[in-house]
């Protein structure tokens, strides 16, 4: 099933469209458990050369973050630190920080 998006079952709805899905997810995220899928079709290549000076809200950083988040496995908890570590490992010309 590598590279395919898993089916996500729809949550049952109660009266007036209120979901009966649980409020919390008992699964926990483990460090280093970042599973990636194939990039969705039409997503731009994130391996572009950024400007010499990084600026907040820069489109280069946004593209790199979006490309990674688009490939993260759905339905599994993950740590923000794992996303940041993955970005820093992939793109040595940029430093990503957790907020």
C-alpha atoms as a PDB file:
ATOM      1  CA  UNK A   1       0.000   0.000   0.000  1.00  0.00           C
ATOM      2  CA  UNK A   2       3.048   2.306  -0.127  1.00  0.00           C
ATOM      3  CA  UNK A   3       2.340   5.540  -1.925  1.00  0.00           C
ATOM      4  CA  UNK A   4      -1.451   5.288  -1.719  1.00  0.00           C
ATOM      5  CA  UNK A   5      -3.710   7.360   0.508  1.00  0.00           C
ATOM      6  CA  UNK A   6      -5.566   5.212   3.055  1.00  0.00           C
ATOM      7  CA  UNK A   7      -9.349   5.267   3.183  1.00  0.00           C
ATOM      8  CA  UNK A   8     -10.660   7.297   6.099  1.00  0.00           C
ATOM      9  CA  UNK A   9     -14.061   6.150   7.371  1.00  0.00           C
ATOM     10  CA  UNK A  10     -16.631   8.891   7.830  1.00  0.00           C
ATOM     11  CA  UNK A  11     -17.644   9.557  11.423  1.00  0.00           C
ATOM     12  CA  UNK A  12     -21.218   8.694  12.301  1.00  0.00           C
ATOM     13  CA  UNK A  13     -23.341  11.748  12.826  1.00  0.00           C
ATOM     14  CA  UNK A  14     -25.887  12.147  15.573  1.00  0.00           C
ATOM     15  CA  UNK A  15     -28.714  14.635  15.896  1.00  0.00           C
ATOM     16  CA  UNK A  16     -28.267  18.002  14.163  1.00  0.00           C
ATOM     17  CA  UNK A  17     -25.026  16.870  12.441  1.00  0.00           C
ATOM     18  CA  UNK A  18     -23.098  16.342  15.703  1.00  0.00           C
ATOM     19  CA  UNK A  19     -20.326  13.804  15.199  1.00  0.00           C
ATOM     20  CA  UNK A  20     -20.109  10.799  17.479  1.00  0.00           C
ATOM     21  CA  UNK A  21     -16.345  10.559  16.895  1.00  0.00           C
ATOM     22  CA  UNK A  22     -14.229  10.532  20.066  1.00  0.00           C
ATOM     23  CA  UNK A  23     -12.870  13.885  21.191  1.00  0.00           C
ATOM     24  CA  UNK A  24      -9.418  12.540  21.979  1.00  0.00           C
ATOM     25  CA  UNK A  25      -7.291  10.012  20.163  1.00  0.00           C
ATOM     26  CA  UNK A  26      -5.719   7.465  22.563  1.00  0.00           C
ATOM     27  CA  UNK A  27      -2.834   6.757  20.188  1.00  0.00           C
ATOM     28  CA  UNK A  28       0.383   8.522  21.011  1.00  0.00           C
ATOM     29  CA  UNK A  29       3.156   9.771  18.792  1.00  0.00           C
ATOM     30  CA  UNK A  30       6.636   8.313  19.149  1.00  0.00           C
ATOM     31  CA  UNK A  31       9.807  10.220  18.255  1.00  0.00           C
ATOM     32  CA  UNK A  32      11.126   9.305  14.834  1.00  0.00           C
ATOM     33  CA  UNK A  33       7.881   7.663  13.673  1.00  0.00           C
ATOM     34  CA  UNK A  34       7.336   9.972  10.704  1.00  0.00           C
ATOM     35  CA  UNK A  35       5.980   7.854   7.808  1.00  0.00           C
ATOM     36  CA  UNK A  36       5.809   9.554   4.419  1.00  0.00           C
ATOM     37  CA  UNK A  37       3.671   8.787   1.389  1.00  0.00           C
ATOM     38  CA  UNK A  38       4.440   9.662  -2.208  1.00  0.00           C
ATOM     39  CA  UNK A  39       3.951  13.344  -3.010  1.00  0.00           C
ATOM     40  CA  UNK A  40       0.489  14.175  -4.375  1.00  0.00           C
ATOM     41  CA  UNK A  41       0.358  14.728  -8.142  1.00  0.00           C
ATOM     42  CA  UNK A  42       0.978  18.297  -9.270  1.00  0.00           C
ATOM     43  CA  UNK A  43       2.892  19.372  -6.149  1.00  0.00           C
ATOM     44  CA  UNK A  44       5.854  21.604  -7.107  1.00  0.00           C
ATOM     45  CA  UNK A  45       9.410  20.366  -6.560  1.00  0.00           C
ATOM     46  CA  UNK A  46      10.620  21.567  -3.127  1.00  0.00           C
ATOM     47  CA  UNK A  47      14.286  21.322  -4.144  1.00  0.00           C
ATOM     48  CA  UNK A  48      14.481  24.877  -5.419  1.00  0.00           C
ATOM     49  CA  UNK A  49      17.253  27.302  -4.552  1.00  0.00           C
ATOM     50  CA  UNK A  50      16.067  29.731  -1.863  1.00  0.00           C
ATOM     51  CA  UNK A  51      17.227  33.319  -1.677  1.00  0.00           C
ATOM     52  CA  UNK A  52      20.427  34.048   0.211  1.00  0.00           C
ATOM     53  CA  UNK A  53      18.591  35.819   3.029  1.00  0.00           C
ATOM     54  CA  UNK A  54      15.536  34.102   4.508  1.00  0.00           C
ATOM     55  CA  UNK A  55      12.532  36.215   5.418  1.00  0.00           C
ATOM     56  CA  UNK A  56       9.477  35.309   7.503  1.00  0.00           C
ATOM     57  CA  UNK A  57       6.650  34.021   5.328  1.00  0.00           C
ATOM     58  CA  UNK A  58       9.048  33.251   2.476  1.00  0.00           C
ATOM     59  CA  UNK A  59       7.410  31.196  -0.276  1.00  0.00           C
ATOM     60  CA  UNK A  60      10.440  28.877  -0.433  1.00  0.00           C
ATOM     61  CA  UNK A  61      10.004  27.808   3.191  1.00  0.00           C
ATOM     62  CA  UNK A  62       6.227  27.526   2.769  1.00  0.00           C
ATOM     63  CA  UNK A  63       6.662  25.229  -0.249  1.00  0.00           C
ATOM     64  CA  UNK A  64       9.061  22.965   1.635  1.00  0.00           C
ATOM     65  CA  UNK A  65       6.767  22.705   4.671  1.00  0.00           C
ATOM     66  CA  UNK A  66       3.675  22.066   2.537  1.00  0.00           C
ATOM     67  CA  UNK A  67       5.466  19.395   0.503  1.00  0.00           C
ATOM     68  CA  UNK A  68       6.428  17.528   3.669  1.00  0.00           C
ATOM     69  CA  UNK A  69       3.009  17.866   5.324  1.00  0.00           C
ATOM     70  CA  UNK A  70       1.299  16.674   2.110  1.00  0.00           C
ATOM     71  CA  UNK A  71       3.337  13.466   2.317  1.00  0.00           C
ATOM     72  CA  UNK A  72       2.805  12.675   6.009  1.00  0.00           C
ATOM     73  CA  UNK A  73       0.744   9.544   6.672  1.00  0.00           C
ATOM     74  CA  UNK A  74      -2.802  10.410   7.698  1.00  0.00           C
ATOM     75  CA  UNK A  75      -4.504   9.125  10.816  1.00  0.00           C
ATOM     76  CA  UNK A  76      -1.329   8.720  12.868  1.00  0.00           C
ATOM     77  CA  UNK A  77      -0.229  11.099  15.603  1.00  0.00           C
ATOM     78  CA  UNK A  78       3.169  12.676  15.079  1.00  0.00           C
ATOM     79  CA  UNK A  79       5.452  15.060  16.870  1.00  0.00           C
ATOM     80  CA  UNK A  80       6.055  18.548  15.533  1.00  0.00           C
ATOM     81  CA  UNK A  81       9.723  18.031  16.426  1.00  0.00           C
ATOM     82  CA  UNK A  82       9.846  15.128  13.936  1.00  0.00           C
ATOM     83  CA  UNK A  83       8.532  17.393  11.159  1.00  0.00           C
ATOM     84  CA  UNK A  84      11.105  20.060  12.027  1.00  0.00           C
ATOM     85  CA  UNK A  85      13.922  17.484  12.204  1.00  0.00           C
ATOM     86  CA  UNK A  86      12.899  16.059   8.842  1.00  0.00           C
ATOM     87  CA  UNK A  87      12.894  19.523   7.238  1.00  0.00           C
ATOM     88  CA  UNK A  88      16.319  20.327   8.693  1.00  0.00           C
ATOM     89  CA  UNK A  89      17.722  16.994   7.498  1.00  0.00           C
ATOM     90  CA  UNK A  90      16.360  17.439   3.971  1.00  0.00           C
ATOM     91  CA  UNK A  91      17.256  21.089   3.441  1.00  0.00           C
ATOM     92  CA  UNK A  92      20.685  21.921   4.805  1.00  0.00           C
ATOM     93  CA  UNK A  93      20.554  25.425   3.318  1.00  0.00           C
ATOM     94  CA  UNK A  94      17.749  26.464   5.689  1.00  0.00           C
ATOM     95  CA  UNK A  95      17.043  26.217   9.415  1.00  0.00           C
ATOM     96  CA  UNK A  96      13.507  25.377  10.494  1.00  0.00           C
ATOM     97  CA  UNK A  97      12.341  25.991  14.078  1.00  0.00           C
ATOM     98  CA  UNK A  98       9.333  24.696  15.985  1.00  0.00           C
ATOM     99  CA  UNK A  99       7.048  27.557  17.058  1.00  0.00           C
END
